[in-house]
C-alpha atoms as a PDB file:
ATOM      1  CA  MET A   1      26.690  -1.569  16.870  1.00  0.00           C
ATOM      2  CA  LEU A   2      24.221  -2.355  14.092  1.00  0.00           C
ATOM      3  CA  LYS A   3      26.526  -5.040  12.698  1.00  0.00           C
ATOM      4  CA  ARG A   4      26.826  -6.647  16.126  1.00  0.00           C
ATOM      5  CA  LEU A   5      23.051  -6.689  16.468  1.00  0.00           C
ATOM      6  CA  THR A   6      22.685  -8.198  12.983  1.00  0.00           C
ATOM      7  CA  ASP A   7      25.293 -10.853  13.762  1.00  0.00           C
ATOM      8  CA  LEU A   8      23.528 -11.676  17.032  1.00  0.00           C
ATOM      9  CA  LEU A   9      20.157 -12.045  15.285  1.00  0.00           C
ATOM     10  CA  ASP A  10      21.733 -14.228  12.588  1.00  0.00           C
ATOM     11  CA  TRP A  11      23.162 -16.453  15.309  1.00  0.00           C
ATOM     12  CA  ILE A  12      19.881 -16.654  17.249  1.00  0.00           C
ATOM     13  CA  TYR A  13      17.727 -17.379  14.221  1.00  0.00           C
ATOM     14  CA  LYS A  14      20.218 -19.475  12.312  1.00  0.00           C
ATOM     15  CA  LYS A  15      18.459 -22.355  10.615  1.00  0.00           C
ATOM     16  CA  LYS A  16      18.941 -25.734  12.192  1.00  0.00           C
ATOM     17  CA  CYS A  17      18.665 -29.049  10.416  1.00  0.00           C
ATOM     18  CA  TYR A  18      15.135 -30.363  10.972  1.00  0.00           C
ATOM     19  CA  PHE A  19      16.561 -33.868  11.315  1.00  0.00           C
ATOM     20  CA  CYS A  20      19.737 -33.715  13.422  1.00  0.00           C
ATOM     21  CA  LYS A  21      19.356 -30.136  14.783  1.00  0.00           C
ATOM     22  CA  SER A  22      22.834 -29.157  13.615  1.00  0.00           C
ATOM     23  CA  SER A  23      23.251 -25.493  12.643  1.00  0.00           C
ATOM     24  CA  LYS A  24      26.641 -25.925  10.926  1.00  0.00           C
ATOM     25  CA  GLU A  25      25.233 -25.500   7.420  1.00  0.00           C
ATOM     26  CA  ALA A  26      22.350 -23.189   8.424  1.00  0.00           C
ATOM     27  CA  VAL A  27      19.907 -25.167   6.286  1.00  0.00           C
ATOM     28  CA  LYS A  28      16.676 -27.063   6.888  1.00  0.00           C
ATOM     29  CA  MET A  29      18.265 -30.363   5.881  1.00  0.00           C
ATOM     30  CA  CYS A  30      22.006 -30.746   6.159  1.00  0.00           C
ATOM     31  CA  SER A  31      24.003 -32.664   3.575  1.00  0.00           C
ATOM     32  CA  LYS A  32      24.719 -35.511   5.992  1.00  0.00           C
ATOM     33  CA  CYS A  33      21.018 -36.115   6.700  1.00  0.00           C
ATOM     34  CA  TYR A  34      20.139 -35.775   3.021  1.00  0.00           C
ATOM     35  CA  GLU A  35      22.727 -38.341   2.011  1.00  0.00           C
ATOM     36  CA  GLU A  36      21.336 -40.810   4.551  1.00  0.00           C
ATOM     37  CA  MET A  37      18.173 -41.202   2.461  1.00  0.00           C
ATOM     38  CA  ASP A  38      18.280 -44.392   0.396  1.00  0.00           C
ATOM     39  CA  PHE A  39      17.254 -44.615  -3.251  1.00  0.00           C
ATOM     40  CA  LEU A  40      15.368 -47.570  -4.668  1.00  0.00           C
ATOM     41  CA  PRO A  41      16.623 -49.325  -7.824  1.00  0.00           C
ATOM     42  CA  VAL A  42      15.986 -47.387 -11.025  1.00  0.00           C
ATOM     43  CA  LYS A  43      13.124 -49.456 -12.397  1.00  0.00           C
ATOM     44  CA  PRO A  44       9.307 -49.260 -12.327  1.00  0.00           C
ATOM     45  CA  SER A  45       7.953 -50.120  -8.891  1.00  0.00           C
ATOM     46  CA  ARG A  46       4.667 -51.160 -10.461  1.00  0.00           C
ATOM     47  CA  THR A  47       2.554 -50.688 -13.553  1.00  0.00           C
ATOM     48  CA  VAL A  48      -0.876 -49.042 -13.338  1.00  0.00           C
ATOM     49  CA  LYS A  49      -3.153 -49.347 -16.379  1.00  0.00           C
ATOM     50  CA  GLY A  50      -0.073 -49.891 -18.518  1.00  0.00           C
ATOM     51  CA  LYS A  51       1.666 -46.778 -17.180  1.00  0.00           C
ATOM     52  CA  LYS A  52       5.028 -47.053 -15.428  1.00  0.00           C
ATOM     53  CA  VAL A  53       5.141 -45.970 -11.786  1.00  0.00           C
ATOM     54  CA  TYR A  54       8.558 -45.173 -10.340  1.00  0.00           C
ATOM     55  CA  CYS A  55       9.250 -44.757  -6.620  1.00  0.00           C
ATOM     56  CA  ALA A  56      12.435 -42.912  -5.736  1.00  0.00           C
ATOM     57  CA  GLY A  57      13.293 -43.983  -2.206  1.00  0.00           C
ATOM     58  CA  ILE A  58      12.785 -46.224   0.793  1.00  0.00           C
ATOM     59  CA  TYR A  59      10.115 -45.025   3.209  1.00  0.00           C
ATOM     60  CA  SER A  60      12.120 -44.924   6.422  1.00  0.00           C
ATOM     61  CA  LYS A  61      14.021 -42.612   8.747  1.00  0.00           C
ATOM     62  CA  ASN A  62      14.836 -39.248   7.165  1.00  0.00           C
ATOM     63  CA  LEU A  63      12.688 -39.644   4.054  1.00  0.00           C
ATOM     64  CA  GLN A  64       9.709 -40.550   6.205  1.00  0.00           C
ATOM     65  CA  LYS A  65      10.319 -37.595   8.507  1.00  0.00           C
ATOM     66  CA  LEU A  66      10.815 -35.281   5.522  1.00  0.00           C
ATOM     67  CA  ILE A  67       7.423 -36.185   4.040  1.00  0.00           C
ATOM     68  CA  ARG A  68       5.611 -35.959   7.369  1.00  0.00           C
ATOM     69  CA  GLY A  69       7.205 -32.619   8.217  1.00  0.00           C
ATOM     70  CA  LEU A  70       6.307 -31.147   4.852  1.00  0.00           C
ATOM     71  CA  LYS A  71       2.805 -32.611   4.748  1.00  0.00           C
ATOM     72  CA  TYR A  72       1.567 -32.245   8.308  1.00  0.00           C
ATOM     73  CA  HIS A  73       3.843 -29.853  10.209  1.00  0.00           C
ATOM     74  CA  ASN A  74       4.040 -26.793   7.952  1.00  0.00           C
ATOM     75  CA  GLN A  75       7.710 -27.365   7.151  1.00  0.00           C
ATOM     76  CA  ARG A  76       7.370 -25.885   3.667  1.00  0.00           C
ATOM     77  CA  ASP A  77      11.120 -25.406   3.181  1.00  0.00           C
ATOM     78  CA  LEU A  78      11.410 -29.191   3.016  1.00  0.00           C
ATOM     79  CA  ALA A  79       9.682 -29.187  -0.397  1.00  0.00           C
ATOM     80  CA  PHE A  80      13.023 -28.335  -2.011  1.00  0.00           C
ATOM     81  CA  TYR A  81      14.751 -31.392  -0.532  1.00  0.00           C
ATOM     82  CA  LEU A  82      11.982 -33.780  -1.546  1.00  0.00           C
ATOM     83  CA  ALA A  83      12.010 -32.322  -5.062  1.00  0.00           C
ATOM     84  CA  GLN A  84      15.797 -32.627  -5.206  1.00  0.00           C
ATOM     85  CA  PHE A  85      15.631 -36.261  -4.100  1.00  0.00           C
ATOM     86  CA  MET A  86      12.939 -37.073  -6.686  1.00  0.00           C
ATOM     87  CA  SER A  87      14.759 -35.219  -9.466  1.00  0.00           C
ATOM     88  CA  GLU A  88      18.060 -37.009  -8.741  1.00  0.00           C
ATOM     89  CA  TYR A  89      16.245 -40.296  -9.144  1.00  0.00           C
ATOM     90  CA  PHE A  90      14.258 -39.227 -12.186  1.00  0.00           C
ATOM     91  CA  GLU A  91      17.262 -37.946 -14.132  1.00  0.00           C
ATOM     92  CA  LYS A  92      18.497 -41.562 -14.170  1.00  0.00           C
ATOM     93  CA  ILE A  93      15.294 -42.514 -15.993  1.00  0.00           C
ATOM     94  CA  SER A  94      15.074 -39.667 -18.483  1.00  0.00           C
ATOM     95  CA  ASP A  95      16.955 -36.528 -19.491  1.00  0.00           C
ATOM     96  CA  LYS A  96      13.945 -35.282 -21.435  1.00  0.00           C
ATOM     97  CA  LYS A  97      13.005 -31.690 -20.532  1.00  0.00           C
ATOM     98  CA  ASP A  98       9.541 -31.592 -22.030  1.00  0.00           C
ATOM     99  CA  TYR A  99       7.310 -33.081 -19.343  1.00  0.00           C
ATOM    100  CA  GLU A 100       4.216 -31.442 -17.972  1.00  0.00           C
ATOM    101  CA  VAL A 101       4.492 -32.072 -14.214  1.00  0.00           C
ATOM    102  CA  ILE A 102       1.138 -32.744 -12.511  1.00  0.00           C
ATOM    103  CA  PRO A 103       1.159 -32.856  -8.688  1.00  0.00           C
ATOM    104  CA  VAL A 104      -1.617 -34.939  -7.141  1.00  0.00           C
ATOM    105  CA  PRO A 105      -4.295 -32.376  -6.202  1.00  0.00           C
ATOM    106  CA  ILE A 106      -6.045 -32.222  -2.841  1.00  0.00           C
ATOM    107  CA  TYR A 107      -9.623 -31.213  -2.155  1.00  0.00           C
ATOM    108  CA  PRO A 108     -10.027 -27.393  -1.922  1.00  0.00           C
ATOM    109  CA  LYS A 109     -11.433 -27.493   1.620  1.00  0.00           C
ATOM    110  CA  ARG A 110      -8.449 -29.516   2.815  1.00  0.00           C
ATOM    111  CA  GLU A 111      -6.011 -27.244   1.009  1.00  0.00           C
ATOM    112  CA  LYS A 112      -7.641 -24.183   2.566  1.00  0.00           C
ATOM    113  CA  LYS A 113      -7.352 -25.732   6.035  1.00  0.00           C
ATOM    114  CA  ARG A 114      -3.730 -26.734   5.515  1.00  0.00           C
ATOM    115  CA  LYS A 115      -3.037 -23.464   3.619  1.00  0.00           C
ATOM    116  CA  TYR A 116      -1.040 -25.247   0.925  1.00  0.00           C
ATOM    117  CA  ASN A 117      -0.805 -28.401  -1.166  1.00  0.00           C
ATOM    118  CA  HIS A 118       2.586 -29.831  -0.305  1.00  0.00           C
ATOM    119  CA  MET A 119       2.880 -31.573  -3.681  1.00  0.00           C
ATOM    120  CA  ASN A 120       2.337 -28.274  -5.496  1.00  0.00           C
ATOM    121  CA  LEU A 121       5.332 -26.925  -3.574  1.00  0.00           C
ATOM    122  CA  VAL A 122       7.351 -29.993  -4.527  1.00  0.00           C
ATOM    123  CA  GLY A 123       6.214 -29.620  -8.128  1.00  0.00           C
ATOM    124  CA  GLU A 124       7.407 -26.004  -8.253  1.00  0.00           C
ATOM    125  CA  GLU A 125      10.838 -26.974  -6.967  1.00  0.00           C
ATOM    126  CA  PHE A 126      11.026 -30.081  -9.171  1.00  0.00           C
ATOM    127  CA  CYS A 127      10.310 -28.013 -12.287  1.00  0.00           C
ATOM    128  CA  ARG A 128      12.814 -25.354 -11.276  1.00  0.00           C
ATOM    129  CA  ILE A 129      15.482 -28.046 -10.882  1.00  0.00           C
ATOM    130  CA  THR A 130      14.626 -30.066 -14.004  1.00  0.00           C
ATOM    131  CA  ALA A 131      13.449 -27.267 -16.333  1.00  0.00           C
ATOM    132  CA  ASN A 132      10.117 -29.001 -16.938  1.00  0.00           C
ATOM    133  CA  THR A 133       6.700 -27.305 -16.844  1.00  0.00           C
ATOM    134  CA  LEU A 134       4.304 -27.308 -13.889  1.00  0.00           C
ATOM    135  CA  ASN A 135       0.573 -27.663 -14.546  1.00  0.00           C
ATOM    136  CA  VAL A 136      -1.769 -27.486 -11.540  1.00  0.00           C
ATOM    137  CA  ASP A 137      -4.867 -26.659 -13.586  1.00  0.00           C
ATOM    138  CA  LEU A 138      -5.307 -29.745 -15.767  1.00  0.00           C
ATOM    139  CA  ILE A 139      -6.803 -32.014 -13.117  1.00  0.00           C
ATOM    140  CA  LYS A 140      -8.627 -31.130  -9.902  1.00  0.00           C
ATOM    141  CA  ARG A 141      -9.889 -33.166  -6.973  1.00  0.00           C
ATOM    142  CA  ILE A 142     -13.662 -32.727  -6.761  1.00  0.00           C
ATOM    143  CA  LYS A 143     -14.392 -35.272  -4.024  1.00  0.00           C
ATOM    144  CA  ASP A 144     -13.426 -34.908  -0.375  1.00  0.00           C
ATOM    145  CA  THR A 145     -11.867 -38.338   0.015  1.00  0.00           C
ATOM    146  CA  LYS A 146     -10.822 -40.030   3.232  1.00  0.00           C
ATOM    147  CA  PRO A 147      -7.096 -40.451   3.986  1.00  0.00           C
ATOM    148  CA  GLN A 148      -5.947 -43.429   1.944  1.00  0.00           C
ATOM    149  CA  TYR A 149      -3.578 -44.893   4.529  1.00  0.00           C
ATOM    150  CA  LYS A 150      -6.532 -45.871   6.721  1.00  0.00           C
ATOM    151  CA  LEU A 151      -8.193 -47.943   3.996  1.00  0.00           C
ATOM    152  CA  LYS A 152      -7.829 -51.409   2.508  1.00  0.00           C
ATOM    153  CA  ARG A 153      -7.274 -51.932  -1.223  1.00  0.00           C
ATOM    154  CA  GLN A 154     -10.935 -52.115  -2.268  1.00  0.00           C
ATOM    155  CA  GLU A 155     -11.866 -49.269   0.052  1.00  0.00           C
ATOM    156  CA  ARG A 156      -9.134 -47.152  -1.554  1.00  0.00           C
ATOM    157  CA  VAL A 157     -10.595 -47.758  -5.002  1.00  0.00           C
ATOM    158  CA  GLN A 158     -14.136 -46.866  -3.865  1.00  0.00           C
ATOM    159  CA  ASN A 159     -12.863 -43.835  -1.979  1.00  0.00           C
ATOM    160  CA  LEU A 160     -11.231 -42.415  -5.119  1.00  0.00           C
ATOM    161  CA  THR A 161     -13.986 -43.224  -7.615  1.00  0.00           C
ATOM    162  CA  ASN A 162     -14.971 -40.020  -9.439  1.00  0.00           C
ATOM    163  CA  ALA A 163     -12.588 -38.038  -7.234  1.00  0.00           C
ATOM    164  CA  PHE A 164     -10.924 -36.120 -10.098  1.00  0.00           C
ATOM    165  CA  LYS A 165     -12.028 -33.954 -12.997  1.00  0.00           C
ATOM    166  CA  VAL A 166      -9.960 -32.964 -16.032  1.00  0.00           C
ATOM    167  CA  ASP A 167     -10.114 -29.615 -17.810  1.00  0.00           C
ATOM    168  CA  LYS A 168      -8.801 -30.647 -21.228  1.00  0.00           C
ATOM    169  CA  SER A 169      -8.453 -27.022 -22.304  1.00  0.00           C
ATOM    170  CA  LYS A 170      -5.465 -26.891 -19.946  1.00  0.00           C
ATOM    171  CA  TYR A 171      -3.674 -29.769 -21.719  1.00  0.00           C
ATOM    172  CA  ASN A 172      -0.665 -28.718 -23.794  1.00  0.00           C
ATOM    173  CA  GLY A 173       0.028 -32.002 -25.580  1.00  0.00           C
ATOM    174  CA  LYS A 174       3.158 -32.922 -23.620  1.00  0.00           C
ATOM    175  CA  THR A 175       3.974 -36.151 -21.794  1.00  0.00           C
ATOM    176  CA  LEU A 176       2.455 -35.942 -18.331  1.00  0.00           C
ATOM    177  CA  LEU A 177       4.519 -36.731 -15.245  1.00  0.00           C
ATOM    178  CA  LEU A 178       2.186 -37.321 -12.311  1.00  0.00           C
ATOM    179  CA  ILE A 179       3.952 -36.851  -8.963  1.00  0.00           C
ATOM    180  CA  ASP A 180       2.980 -37.819  -5.414  1.00  0.00           C
ATOM    181  CA  ASP A 181       4.700 -38.321  -2.085  1.00  0.00           C
ATOM    182  CA  ILE A 182       3.790 -41.964  -1.332  1.00  0.00           C
ATOM    183  CA  CYS A 183       2.547 -44.700  -3.643  1.00  0.00           C
ATOM    184  CA  THR A 184       1.128 -47.657  -1.729  1.00  0.00           C
ATOM    185  CA  THR A 185      -1.231 -49.566  -4.026  1.00  0.00           C
ATOM    186  CA  GLY A 186      -1.246 -47.055  -6.872  1.00  0.00           C
ATOM    187  CA  SER A 187      -4.959 -46.271  -6.444  1.00  0.00           C
ATOM    188  CA  THR A 188      -4.525 -42.493  -6.616  1.00  0.00           C
ATOM    189  CA  PHE A 189      -2.462 -42.647  -9.788  1.00  0.00           C
ATOM    190  CA  GLU A 190      -4.911 -45.161 -11.247  1.00  0.00           C
ATOM    191  CA  GLU A 191      -7.945 -42.949 -10.740  1.00  0.00           C
ATOM    192  CA  MET A 192      -6.122 -39.922 -12.164  1.00  0.00           C
ATOM    193  CA  ILE A 193      -5.083 -41.982 -15.188  1.00  0.00           C
ATOM    194  CA  ASN A 194      -8.682 -43.164 -15.637  1.00  0.00           C
ATOM    195  CA  GLU A 195      -9.934 -39.595 -15.769  1.00  0.00           C
ATOM    196  CA  LEU A 196      -7.142 -38.448 -18.081  1.00  0.00           C
ATOM    197  CA  GLU A 197      -7.753 -41.341 -20.478  1.00  0.00           C
ATOM    198  CA  LYS A 198     -11.469 -40.501 -20.599  1.00  0.00           C
ATOM    199  CA  ASN A 199     -10.315 -37.185 -22.015  1.00  0.00           C
ATOM    200  CA  GLY A 200      -8.043 -38.778 -24.596  1.00  0.00           C
ATOM    201  CA  ILE A 201      -4.813 -38.160 -22.690  1.00  0.00           C
ATOM    202  CA  ASN A 202      -2.663 -41.305 -22.656  1.00  0.00           C
ATOM    203  CA  ASP A 203       0.993 -40.228 -22.644  1.00  0.00           C
ATOM    204  CA  ILE A 204       1.581 -40.544 -18.897  1.00  0.00           C
ATOM    205  CA  ILE A 205       4.323 -41.598 -16.480  1.00  0.00           C
ATOM    206  CA  CYS A 206       4.152 -41.568 -12.667  1.00  0.00           C
ATOM    207  CA  LEU A 207       6.727 -40.753  -9.991  1.00  0.00           C
ATOM    208  CA  ALA A 208       6.333 -41.020  -6.222  1.00  0.00           C
ATOM    209  CA  ALA A 209       8.920 -40.015  -3.662  1.00  0.00           C
ATOM    210  CA  THR A 210       8.582 -43.373  -1.955  1.00  0.00           C
ATOM    211  CA  THR A 211       6.617 -46.540  -1.380  1.00  0.00           C
ATOM    212  CA  PRO A 212       6.138 -48.471   1.865  1.00  0.00           C
ATOM    213  CA  PHE A 213       7.010 -51.619  -0.070  1.00  0.00           C
ATOM    214  CA  ASP A 214      10.569 -52.304  -1.186  1.00  0.00           C
ATOM    215  CA  ASP A 215       9.653 -54.204  -4.336  1.00  0.00           C
END
């Protein structure tokens, strides 16, 4: 009787794919939907203050829905799939296992309201997959900035001016890998790099899950 009840509950609450609603694999993102996400060429998407910025995939369809679900709709399980996608791309760039992974921080009030920083979740999964080290204490966001997607280039720069603060005592001397979900103009990475360089930290590379521009 107990087994039947357990089997019934497993069937009722079986995970469905967030994208196609299939329950065949009982996962949040089935292999078919994952494989439909398209990678960008393995080359820097842009250079910011002399630092290479890589963008893993094309911002459309499932990758777009993955980021939005994770970021805005409390779909925390999706962090694993975004980290997996980013790590698959990044392993084509480097097999080095000695990066200090730095997720882009969000302002504490916003994190409290959302109850999590989605990039911290991605960072945890990324480091578990790649055997690198997560560091969420080195750089903090100290300015409650406006959402970047609503702003033009110059407004983005002004919005992010003095937005971050570095605690150099948390730096361990490794190459930093800054990670974010979307890189549009590179303004967020640029301001983080500015603040890190002020503190004598220059060994930096950047990785975003995607960019709206296929360049």
